[in-house]
Amino acid sequence: MSDYEVKMVVLSTDNLDESIAFYEGLGMSLKFRDGAQYAALDGGPITLALATPIDHPIHGQVVVGIKTADVDGAAKAIEAG
């Protein structure tokens, strides 16, 4: 295993119901849902999250969640970029 592991991908949506139906149609199961704003689906080793503008950190962009044991080191590497 590397020092970094992708754990989540967050996609923007304006219609949570339609987006959930689309990904369930691809065989992904719903892990949980928070009202009409946010949902997480089981993408195997990666969680696929769907978020409306209210809950998406940068609506319109793909956000990747990365797990690392060394958060400080990762932040320094990004800043040194």
Protein backbone atom coordinates (compact mmCIF):
# COMPACT_ATOMS: atom_id res chain seq x y z
CA MET A 1 0.00 0.00 0.00
CA SER A 2 1.22 3.48 -0.81
CA ASP A 3 1.27 6.39 1.63
CA TYR A 4 -2.01 7.63 0.13
CA GLU A 5 -5.25 5.80 -0.56
CA VAL A 6 -8.27 7.22 -2.42
CA LYS A 7 -11.31 6.52 -0.24
CA MET A 8 -14.04 8.78 -1.63
CA VAL A 9 -15.06 10.65 -4.74
CA VAL A 10 -17.66 13.41 -4.36
CA LEU A 11 -19.68 14.37 -7.43
CA SER A 12 -22.02 17.34 -7.85
CA THR A 13 -25.68 16.85 -8.59
CA ASP A 14 -28.69 19.09 -8.89
CA ASN A 15 -31.11 16.16 -8.57
CA LEU A 16 -30.16 13.64 -5.91
CA ASP A 17 -33.00 11.22 -6.71
CA GLU A 18 -32.04 10.96 -10.38
CA SER A 19 -28.35 10.59 -9.57
CA ILE A 20 -28.98 7.84 -7.02
CA ALA A 21 -31.19 5.99 -9.51
CA PHE A 22 -28.48 6.25 -12.18
CA TYR A 23 -25.72 4.78 -10.00
CA GLU A 24 -28.01 2.13 -8.51
CA GLY A 25 -28.74 1.17 -12.12
CA LEU A 26 -25.01 0.55 -12.52
CA GLY A 27 -25.18 -1.87 -9.58
CA MET A 28 -24.03 0.36 -6.74
CA SER A 29 -25.98 0.14 -3.48
CA LEU A 30 -26.98 3.11 -1.36
CA LYS A 31 -24.96 3.28 1.88
CA PHE A 32 -26.80 6.25 3.36
CA ARG A 33 -28.69 9.38 2.46
CA ASP A 34 -29.04 12.75 4.14
CA GLY A 35 -32.35 14.16 2.96
CA ALA A 36 -32.33 15.71 -0.51
CA GLN A 37 -28.76 17.02 -0.23
CA TYR A 38 -26.26 14.17 0.11
CA ALA A 39 -25.94 10.43 -0.49
CA ALA A 40 -23.17 7.87 -0.42
CA LEU A 41 -23.06 4.75 -2.56
CA ASP A 42 -20.92 1.66 -2.26
CA GLY A 43 -18.32 1.76 -5.00
CA GLY A 44 -16.29 -1.15 -3.63
CA PRO A 45 -13.08 0.18 -2.09
CA ILE A 46 -14.22 3.74 -2.81
CA THR A 47 -17.35 5.53 -1.61
CA LEU A 48 -19.11 7.48 -4.34
CA ALA A 49 -20.74 10.52 -2.76
CA LEU A 50 -23.36 12.68 -4.46
CA ALA A 51 -23.97 16.18 -3.17
CA THR A 52 -26.15 19.12 -4.10
CA PRO A 53 -24.82 22.70 -3.91
CA ILE A 54 -25.81 22.89 -0.22
CA ASP A 55 -23.51 20.02 0.85
CA HIS A 56 -20.87 19.88 -1.88
CA PRO A 57 -17.57 21.46 -0.82
CA ILE A 58 -16.88 22.86 -4.34
CA HIS A 59 -20.07 22.43 -6.38
CA GLY A 60 -19.43 21.67 -10.02
CA GLN A 61 -16.07 20.08 -9.29
CA VAL A 62 -15.02 16.52 -8.50
CA VAL A 63 -13.57 16.22 -5.00
CA VAL A 64 -11.34 13.29 -4.08
CA GLY A 65 -10.98 12.11 -0.49
CA ILE A 66 -7.55 10.66 0.24
CA LYS A 67 -6.56 8.74 3.36
CA THR A 68 -3.05 9.03 4.75
CA ALA A 69 -1.42 8.33 8.08
CA ASP A 70 0.70 11.47 7.75
CA VAL A 71 -1.72 14.38 7.28
CA ASP A 72 0.88 16.99 8.25
CA GLY A 73 3.40 15.58 5.76
CA ALA A 74 0.78 15.48 3.00
CA ALA A 75 -0.21 19.10 3.68
CA LYS A 76 3.44 20.19 3.53
CA ALA A 77 3.92 18.32 0.24
CA ILE A 78 0.86 20.04 -1.24
CA GLU A 79 2.03 23.46 -0.05
CA ALA A 80 5.50 22.84 -1.52
CA GLY A 81 3.73 21.72 -4.70
